[in-house]
N, C-alpha and C. Protein backbone atom coordinates (compact mmCIF):
# COMPACT_ATOMS: atom_id res chain seq x y z
N MET A 1 -88.47 122.69 59.75
CA MET A 1 -87.45 121.85 59.78
C MET A 1 -86.34 122.17 58.60
N GLY A 2 -86.82 122.32 57.37
CA GLY A 2 -85.85 122.60 56.24
C GLY A 2 -85.22 123.98 56.71
N ASP A 3 -85.83 124.88 57.20
CA ASP A 3 -85.17 126.37 57.45
C ASP A 3 -84.00 126.01 58.56
N VAL A 4 -84.18 125.20 59.66
CA VAL A 4 -83.20 124.96 60.60
C VAL A 4 -82.00 124.17 59.81
N LEU A 5 -82.30 123.38 58.97
CA LEU A 5 -81.15 122.60 57.99
C LEU A 5 -80.37 123.60 57.38
N SER A 6 -81.12 124.52 56.66
CA SER A 6 -80.57 125.32 55.87
C SER A 6 -79.53 126.36 56.70
N ARG A 7 -79.85 126.69 57.57
CA ARG A 7 -79.19 127.55 58.60
C ARG A 7 -77.91 126.81 59.09
N VAL A 8 -78.19 125.59 59.43
CA VAL A 8 -77.03 124.77 60.09
C VAL A 8 -76.05 124.34 58.77
N SER A 9 -76.40 124.15 57.64
CA SER A 9 -75.50 124.08 56.33
C SER A 9 -74.81 125.40 56.12
N LEU A 10 -75.55 126.41 56.29
CA LEU A 10 -75.00 127.66 56.02
C LEU A 10 -73.76 127.98 56.96
N LEU A 11 -74.22 127.77 58.32
CA LEU A 11 -73.02 127.93 59.30
C LEU A 11 -71.94 127.07 58.90
N GLY A 12 -72.08 125.86 58.64
CA GLY A 12 -71.14 124.74 58.35
C GLY A 12 -70.21 125.21 57.03
N VAL A 13 -70.86 125.83 56.12
CA VAL A 13 -70.19 126.34 54.97
C VAL A 13 -69.13 127.76 55.62
N VAL A 14 -69.80 128.56 56.25
CA VAL A 14 -69.06 129.69 56.82
C VAL A 14 -67.79 129.26 57.56
N THR A 15 -68.19 128.20 58.50
CA THR A 15 -66.95 127.60 59.30
C THR A 15 -66.12 126.99 58.47
N LEU A 16 -66.17 126.33 57.43
CA LEU A 16 -65.14 125.80 56.61
C LEU A 16 -64.45 126.88 55.77
N LEU A 17 -65.19 127.95 55.43
CA LEU A 17 -64.34 129.07 54.82
C LEU A 17 -63.73 129.82 55.79
N ALA A 18 -63.97 129.84 56.94
CA ALA A 18 -63.02 130.72 58.01
C ALA A 18 -61.86 129.52 58.33
N VAL A 19 -61.88 128.44 58.48
CA VAL A 19 -60.80 127.61 58.60
C VAL A 19 -59.96 127.66 57.27
N HIS A 20 -60.47 127.68 56.19
CA HIS A 20 -59.67 127.71 55.10
C HIS A 20 -58.81 129.00 54.97
N PHE A 21 -59.43 130.05 55.21
CA PHE A 21 -58.65 131.36 55.38
C PHE A 21 -57.73 131.50 56.40
N GLU A 22 -57.95 130.94 57.52
CA GLU A 22 -56.91 130.83 58.68
C GLU A 22 -55.68 130.08 58.21
N LEU A 23 -56.00 128.93 57.55
CA LEU A 23 -54.84 128.12 57.35
C LEU A 23 -54.08 128.83 56.17
N LEU A 24 -54.76 129.44 55.26
CA LEU A 24 -54.17 130.26 54.10
C LEU A 24 -53.16 131.34 54.79
N PHE A 25 -53.91 132.17 55.61
CA PHE A 25 -52.91 133.11 56.31
C PHE A 25 -51.84 132.58 57.14
N VAL A 26 -52.06 131.51 57.99
CA VAL A 26 -50.94 130.89 58.78
C VAL A 26 -49.75 130.52 57.77
N SER A 27 -50.16 129.78 56.72
CA SER A 27 -49.19 129.38 55.95
C SER A 27 -48.26 130.49 55.26
N LYS A 28 -49.03 131.53 54.84
CA LYS A 28 -48.40 132.75 54.11
C LYS A 28 -47.71 133.78 55.13
N PHE A 29 -48.36 134.05 56.26
CA PHE A 29 -47.90 135.11 57.05
C PHE A 29 -47.56 134.61 58.63
N GLY A 30 -47.97 133.45 58.97
CA GLY A 30 -47.85 132.98 60.18
C GLY A 30 -48.81 133.68 61.13
N VAL A 31 -49.88 134.42 60.81
CA VAL A 31 -50.65 134.91 61.57
C VAL A 31 -51.91 134.38 61.37
N ALA A 32 -52.76 134.17 62.58
CA ALA A 32 -54.09 133.54 62.42
C ALA A 32 -55.16 134.85 62.43
N PHE A 33 -55.81 134.93 61.23
CA PHE A 33 -56.86 136.07 61.35
C PHE A 33 -58.04 135.41 61.45
N TRP A 34 -58.20 134.05 61.79
CA TRP A 34 -59.44 133.22 61.51
C TRP A 34 -60.67 133.95 62.28
N SER A 35 -60.51 134.35 63.41
CA SER A 35 -61.58 134.90 64.19
C SER A 35 -62.17 136.12 63.47
N TRP A 36 -61.41 137.03 62.86
CA TRP A 36 -62.08 138.19 62.22
C TRP A 36 -62.69 137.56 61.00
N TYR A 37 -62.18 136.78 60.28
CA TYR A 37 -62.77 136.34 59.16
C TYR A 37 -64.12 135.63 59.62
N PHE A 38 -64.14 134.85 60.62
CA PHE A 38 -65.21 133.92 60.99
C PHE A 38 -66.42 134.94 61.24
N PHE A 39 -66.14 135.98 62.14
CA PHE A 39 -67.30 136.97 62.53
C PHE A 39 -67.67 137.72 61.21
N ALA A 40 -66.64 138.07 60.46
CA ALA A 40 -67.06 138.83 59.34
C ALA A 40 -68.02 138.00 58.35
N LEU A 41 -67.61 136.85 58.17
CA LEU A 41 -68.47 136.08 57.25
C LEU A 41 -69.88 135.48 57.82
N VAL A 42 -69.72 135.27 59.20
CA VAL A 42 -71.02 134.95 59.92
C VAL A 42 -72.19 136.23 59.73
N GLY A 43 -71.51 137.31 60.05
CA GLY A 43 -72.22 138.47 59.78
C GLY A 43 -72.81 138.70 58.42
N LEU A 44 -72.01 138.54 57.46
CA LEU A 44 -72.53 138.84 56.05
C LEU A 44 -73.39 137.68 55.60
N SER A 45 -73.30 136.46 56.07
CA SER A 45 -74.29 135.32 55.58
C SER A 45 -75.57 135.62 56.42
N ALA A 46 -75.53 136.03 57.71
CA ALA A 46 -76.71 136.12 58.45
C ALA A 46 -77.46 137.19 57.87
N THR A 47 -76.99 138.35 57.44
CA THR A 47 -77.70 139.40 56.67
C THR A 47 -78.17 139.03 55.50
N TYR A 48 -77.37 138.41 54.60
CA TYR A 48 -77.88 137.79 53.48
C TYR A 48 -79.19 136.97 53.62
N HIS A 49 -79.15 136.02 54.55
CA HIS A 49 -80.05 135.00 54.99
C HIS A 49 -81.30 135.88 55.41
N TRP A 50 -81.12 136.95 56.19
CA TRP A 50 -82.22 137.69 56.64
C TRP A 50 -83.00 138.46 55.39
N TYR A 51 -82.19 138.94 54.59
CA TYR A 51 -82.54 139.67 53.51
C TYR A 51 -83.42 139.04 52.49
N THR A 52 -82.94 137.83 52.03
CA THR A 52 -83.61 136.77 51.31
C THR A 52 -84.93 136.48 51.93
N GLU A 53 -84.93 136.08 53.20
CA GLU A 53 -86.18 135.70 53.87
C GLU A 53 -87.29 136.79 53.85
N ARG A 54 -86.70 137.93 54.06
CA ARG A 54 -87.67 139.20 54.01
C ARG A 54 -88.15 139.42 52.75
N LYS A 55 -87.16 139.29 51.68
CA LYS A 55 -87.64 139.53 50.13
C LYS A 55 -88.69 138.25 49.70
N GLN A 56 -88.62 137.26 50.29
CA GLN A 56 -89.35 136.19 50.05
C GLN A 56 -90.86 136.41 50.50
N ARG A 57 -90.79 136.99 51.89
CA ARG A 57 -91.94 137.11 52.54
C ARG A 57 -92.73 138.37 51.88
N VAL A 58 -92.18 139.21 51.31
CA VAL A 58 -92.83 140.54 50.72
C VAL A 58 -93.31 140.00 49.30
N VAL A 59 -92.65 139.08 48.63
CA VAL A 59 -92.97 138.57 47.24
C VAL A 59 -94.23 137.58 47.52
N GLY A 60 -93.90 136.78 48.43
CA GLY A 60 -94.96 135.61 48.65
C GLY A 60 -96.17 136.26 49.58
């Protein structure tokens, strides 16, 4: 259960960051790069999450 909650909260943080970057770029350049940032952040966070899980399994 805690693992599911951590993934949901991680996704929430990534979504907030993506929205923040989108608003930043729209206000500065008038261009929405939100989808690119969203997928890049999701990919990075998923990779980091997988790496830390794997590292904990090896140590534990």
